[in-house]
């Protein structure tokens, strides 16, 4: 009986050692797998079109008498608004008058080695007209045409244009999802080539969203910068580290 008990105890010990060995082996394999990783990058790009454009007409005059300046600039603004309405531009806004007081009537310049006193205008008054254009593709042409018309009519002003683009937060989720998807595809291809399986994500970092366009410069994206002023390209690169499994 005692001999049987010893044999049973020995068998139990052996079974225990075998089970323990299996768990140790599995743990070592798991640890080994966790040390095998691949780092991949996922790129996502999206062209963004401006939602609207603004053409700005700035006009200003200088003088010594504020009242005369105000009358002069109001007359010019009246002429400009009449012109815009005739051209079919009804969606415009006239900003409030801006008046600058230099608090001085004279300035000094060096001419032929001598310091000469020069008379200057003490005051400068200006007003700005902003035209909203929904068809952003026509904004540049409209700005140039207005500028030439005003020069020909002896109404020269500072004419410029600008674009309003959607907030980056409105496209950020889409860009991140796309960059993550592309990173996973790259990781799966690497795993396939190395006869492994792609595991879970170990770490991930999302790069800063960069903008490329006529008014922005992204060195990594310069070759594909949109030429049209009403287009921008948003770009993000996500870096993800995946575990590799057998």
Protein backbone atom coordinates (compact mmCIF):
# COMPACT_ATOMS: atom_id res chain seq x y z
CA UNK A 1 0.00 0.00 0.00
CA UNK A 2 2.78 2.35 0.95
CA UNK A 3 4.56 1.47 -2.28
CA UNK A 4 1.44 2.32 -4.31
CA UNK A 5 1.16 5.68 -2.56
CA UNK A 6 4.76 6.47 -3.40
CA UNK A 7 4.16 5.58 -7.07
CA UNK A 8 1.00 7.72 -7.23
CA UNK A 9 2.79 10.61 -5.58
CA UNK A 10 5.62 10.28 -8.06
CA UNK A 11 3.20 10.28 -10.98
CA UNK A 12 1.49 13.38 -9.64
CA UNK A 13 4.82 15.12 -9.33
CA UNK A 14 5.68 14.20 -12.92
CA UNK A 15 2.35 15.44 -14.19
CA UNK A 16 2.80 18.65 -12.27
CA UNK A 17 6.25 19.16 -13.71
CA UNK A 18 4.94 18.55 -17.22
CA UNK A 19 2.08 21.03 -16.77
CA UNK A 20 4.43 23.56 -15.22
CA UNK A 21 6.84 23.11 -18.12
CA UNK A 22 4.01 23.77 -20.60
CA UNK A 23 3.05 26.99 -18.86
CA UNK A 24 6.68 28.08 -18.68
CA UNK A 25 7.15 27.33 -22.37
CA UNK A 26 3.97 29.18 -23.28
CA UNK A 27 5.05 32.12 -21.18
CA UNK A 28 8.46 32.20 -22.80
CA UNK A 29 6.86 32.07 -26.24
CA UNK A 30 4.50 34.87 -25.27
CA UNK A 31 7.39 36.94 -23.93
CA UNK A 32 9.38 36.25 -27.08
CA UNK A 33 6.46 37.26 -29.29
CA UNK A 34 6.02 40.49 -27.38
CA UNK A 35 9.62 41.38 -28.08
CA UNK A 36 9.06 41.00 -31.82
CA UNK A 37 7.64 44.23 -33.15
CA UNK A 38 7.42 46.19 -36.38
CA UNK A 39 7.24 49.99 -36.67
CA UNK A 40 5.27 51.33 -39.62
CA UNK A 41 4.02 54.70 -40.78
CA UNK A 42 0.63 55.46 -42.28
CA UNK A 43 0.11 58.49 -44.53
CA UNK A 44 -3.23 60.21 -45.16
CA UNK A 45 -3.80 63.21 -47.41
CA UNK A 46 -6.88 65.20 -48.35
CA UNK A 47 -7.44 68.17 -50.62
CA UNK A 48 -9.50 70.89 -48.92
CA UNK A 49 -11.42 73.43 -50.98
CA UNK A 50 -12.15 76.89 -49.64
CA UNK A 51 -15.75 77.48 -48.61
CA UNK A 52 -15.73 81.12 -49.68
CA UNK A 53 -13.45 83.91 -50.86
CA UNK A 54 -13.19 87.55 -49.87
CA UNK A 55 -12.00 90.37 -52.11
CA UNK A 56 -10.88 93.39 -50.12
CA UNK A 57 -10.74 96.97 -51.42
CA UNK A 58 -8.82 99.32 -49.14
CA UNK A 59 -8.81 103.04 -49.84
CA UNK A 60 -7.14 105.81 -47.86
CA UNK A 61 -6.32 109.52 -47.98
CA UNK A 62 -3.97 111.78 -46.07
CA UNK A 63 -4.40 115.38 -44.98
CA UNK A 64 -4.33 117.87 -42.14
CA UNK A 65 -8.06 118.43 -41.64
CA UNK A 66 -10.05 115.40 -40.36
CA UNK A 67 -13.40 116.75 -41.55
CA UNK A 68 -12.18 117.17 -45.13
CA UNK A 69 -10.60 113.73 -45.03
CA UNK A 70 -13.83 112.08 -43.90
CA UNK A 71 -15.85 113.81 -46.62
CA UNK A 72 -13.30 112.79 -49.23
CA UNK A 73 -13.17 109.15 -48.22
CA UNK A 74 -16.98 108.88 -47.88
CA UNK A 75 -17.35 110.20 -51.43
CA UNK A 76 -14.83 107.64 -52.69
CA UNK A 77 -16.63 104.80 -50.86
CA UNK A 78 -19.96 105.90 -52.35
CA UNK A 79 -18.43 105.77 -55.84
CA UNK A 80 -16.91 102.35 -55.18
CA UNK A 81 -20.15 100.83 -53.86
CA UNK A 82 -22.05 102.16 -56.87
CA UNK A 83 -19.47 100.53 -59.15
CA UNK A 84 -19.73 97.20 -57.30
CA UNK A 85 -23.51 97.13 -57.55
CA UNK A 86 -23.30 97.84 -61.28
CA UNK A 87 -20.95 94.86 -61.60
CA UNK A 88 -23.38 92.62 -59.73
CA UNK A 89 -21.51 92.46 -56.42
CA UNK A 90 -24.20 92.91 -53.79
CA UNK A 91 -22.73 90.82 -50.98
CA UNK A 92 -20.23 93.33 -49.61
CA UNK A 93 -19.57 95.09 -46.30
CA UNK A 94 -18.12 98.53 -45.63
CA UNK A 95 -16.06 98.62 -42.46
CA UNK A 96 -15.94 101.56 -40.08
CA UNK A 97 -13.64 104.51 -40.73
CA UNK A 98 -10.10 104.21 -39.39
CA UNK A 99 -8.26 107.44 -38.59
CA UNK A 100 -4.56 107.69 -37.74
CA UNK A 101 -3.08 110.78 -36.10
CA UNK A 102 0.71 111.09 -36.43
CA UNK A 103 0.65 114.11 -34.06
CA UNK A 104 3.19 115.82 -36.29
CA UNK A 105 3.19 117.86 -39.50
CA UNK A 106 6.85 117.43 -40.35
CA UNK A 107 9.41 114.73 -40.89
CA UNK A 108 13.12 114.84 -41.66
CA UNK A 109 15.14 113.32 -44.49
CA UNK A 110 18.78 113.37 -45.48
CA UNK A 111 19.33 114.94 -48.89
CA UNK A 112 22.82 115.60 -50.27
CA UNK A 113 24.30 115.25 -46.81
CA UNK A 114 21.86 117.68 -45.20
CA UNK A 115 18.98 117.03 -42.83
CA UNK A 116 15.92 118.54 -44.53
CA UNK A 117 12.54 119.20 -42.93
CA UNK A 118 9.70 117.69 -44.99
CA UNK A 119 5.99 118.57 -44.70
CA UNK A 120 3.77 115.52 -44.22
CA UNK A 121 0.09 114.80 -43.67
CA UNK A 122 -0.79 114.67 -40.01
CA UNK A 123 -3.85 112.48 -40.48
CA UNK A 124 -4.59 109.40 -42.57
CA UNK A 125 -8.11 108.06 -42.95
CA UNK A 126 -9.03 104.72 -44.48
CA UNK A 127 -12.01 102.47 -45.13
CA UNK A 128 -12.23 98.88 -46.29
CA UNK A 129 -14.86 97.19 -48.46
CA UNK A 130 -15.03 93.40 -48.22
CA UNK A 131 -16.80 91.42 -50.96
CA UNK A 132 -17.85 87.83 -50.24
CA UNK A 133 -17.65 85.46 -53.24
CA UNK A 134 -19.09 81.96 -52.93
CA UNK A 135 -17.65 80.71 -56.22
CA UNK A 136 -14.07 80.52 -54.97
CA UNK A 137 -12.67 79.55 -58.36
CA UNK A 138 -13.62 83.00 -59.70
CA UNK A 139 -12.22 85.05 -56.83
CA UNK A 140 -8.75 85.59 -58.27
CA UNK A 141 -10.10 86.69 -61.65
CA UNK A 142 -12.65 88.96 -59.99
CA UNK A 143 -9.94 90.58 -57.87
CA UNK A 144 -7.75 91.30 -60.90
CA UNK A 145 -10.67 92.65 -62.95
CA UNK A 146 -11.77 94.99 -60.13
CA UNK A 147 -8.22 96.24 -59.68
CA UNK A 148 -7.82 97.06 -63.40
CA UNK A 149 -11.26 98.71 -63.56
CA UNK A 150 -10.49 100.97 -60.61
CA UNK A 151 -7.16 102.00 -62.11
CA UNK A 152 -8.86 102.88 -65.41
CA UNK A 153 -11.52 104.90 -63.56
CA UNK A 154 -8.85 106.76 -61.56
CA UNK A 155 -10.12 105.10 -58.39
CA UNK A 156 -6.90 103.25 -57.56
CA UNK A 157 -7.14 101.30 -54.31
CA UNK A 158 -5.40 98.40 -52.66
CA UNK A 159 -7.25 95.30 -53.94
CA UNK A 160 -6.48 91.88 -52.46
CA UNK A 161 -8.18 88.51 -51.97
CA UNK A 162 -8.24 85.74 -49.40
CA UNK A 163 -9.94 82.39 -48.81
CA UNK A 164 -11.79 80.81 -45.92
CA UNK A 165 -11.12 77.09 -45.40
CA UNK A 166 -12.92 74.53 -43.21
CA UNK A 167 -11.62 74.07 -39.67
CA UNK A 168 -9.04 71.27 -39.39
CA UNK A 169 -11.07 69.66 -36.61
CA UNK A 170 -13.80 68.84 -39.14
CA UNK A 171 -11.46 66.61 -41.16
CA UNK A 172 -9.08 65.46 -38.42
CA UNK A 173 -10.96 62.23 -37.47
CA UNK A 174 -11.12 61.15 -41.11
CA UNK A 175 -7.40 61.77 -41.64
CA UNK A 176 -6.39 59.90 -38.49
CA UNK A 177 -8.59 56.90 -39.38
CA UNK A 178 -7.12 56.78 -42.88
CA UNK A 179 -3.50 57.06 -41.68
CA UNK A 180 -4.09 54.29 -39.10
CA UNK A 181 -5.64 52.05 -41.75
CA UNK A 182 -2.68 52.60 -44.09
CA UNK A 183 -0.23 51.86 -41.28
CA UNK A 184 -1.97 48.56 -40.57
CA UNK A 185 -1.83 47.60 -44.25
CA UNK A 186 1.91 48.26 -44.25
CA UNK A 187 2.31 46.20 -41.07
CA UNK A 188 0.32 43.30 -42.51
CA UNK A 189 2.48 43.27 -45.61
CA UNK A 190 5.63 43.20 -43.49
CA UNK A 191 4.24 40.38 -41.33
CA UNK A 192 3.34 38.40 -44.43
CA UNK A 193 6.83 38.84 -45.89
CA UNK A 194 8.39 37.68 -42.61
CA UNK A 195 5.98 34.71 -42.32
CA UNK A 196 4.41 36.16 -39.18
CA UNK A 197 1.06 37.50 -38.11
CA UNK A 198 0.34 41.08 -37.17
CA UNK A 199 -0.61 41.38 -33.51
CA UNK A 200 -2.00 44.12 -31.34
CA UNK A 201 -0.75 47.70 -31.23
CA UNK A 202 2.09 48.26 -28.79
CA UNK A 203 2.39 52.04 -29.17
CA UNK A 204 1.02 54.64 -31.55
CA UNK A 205 1.72 58.29 -32.18
CA UNK A 206 -0.13 60.65 -34.48
CA UNK A 207 1.95 63.26 -36.25
CA UNK A 208 0.92 66.88 -36.48
CA UNK A 209 -1.42 67.75 -39.30
CA UNK A 210 0.43 69.87 -41.85
CA UNK A 211 -1.02 72.09 -44.55
CA UNK A 212 0.42 72.52 -48.04
CA UNK A 213 -0.86 75.13 -50.45
CA UNK A 214 0.10 78.35 -52.19
CA UNK A 215 0.28 80.14 -48.83
CA UNK A 216 1.82 77.25 -46.89
CA UNK A 217 5.01 75.26 -47.34
CA UNK A 218 5.42 71.68 -46.21
CA UNK A 219 8.90 70.43 -47.12
CA UNK A 220 7.87 66.76 -47.11
CA UNK A 221 4.91 67.48 -49.35
CA UNK A 222 6.25 70.16 -51.65
CA UNK A 223 6.11 68.06 -54.84
CA UNK A 224 2.33 67.66 -54.57
CA UNK A 225 1.36 71.12 -53.36
CA UNK A 226 -1.90 72.29 -55.00
CA UNK A 227 -1.33 75.09 -57.50
CA UNK A 228 -4.84 76.53 -57.18
CA UNK A 229 -5.01 79.21 -54.46
CA UNK A 230 -8.44 77.97 -53.33
CA UNK A 231 -7.08 74.49 -52.52
CA UNK A 232 -5.01 73.25 -49.61
CA UNK A 233 -3.71 69.77 -48.87
CA UNK A 234 -3.97 68.45 -45.33
CA UNK A 235 -1.48 65.73 -44.45
CA UNK A 236 -0.88 63.56 -41.40
CA UNK A 237 1.50 60.67 -40.71
CA UNK A 238 0.80 58.19 -37.92
CA UNK A 239 3.58 55.99 -36.50
CA UNK A 240 2.40 52.66 -35.05
CA UNK A 241 4.33 49.83 -33.43
CA UNK A 242 2.67 46.39 -33.82
CA UNK A 243 3.53 43.11 -32.12
CA UNK A 244 4.46 40.24 -34.43
CA UNK A 245 3.16 36.75 -33.72
CA UNK A 246 4.06 33.33 -35.14
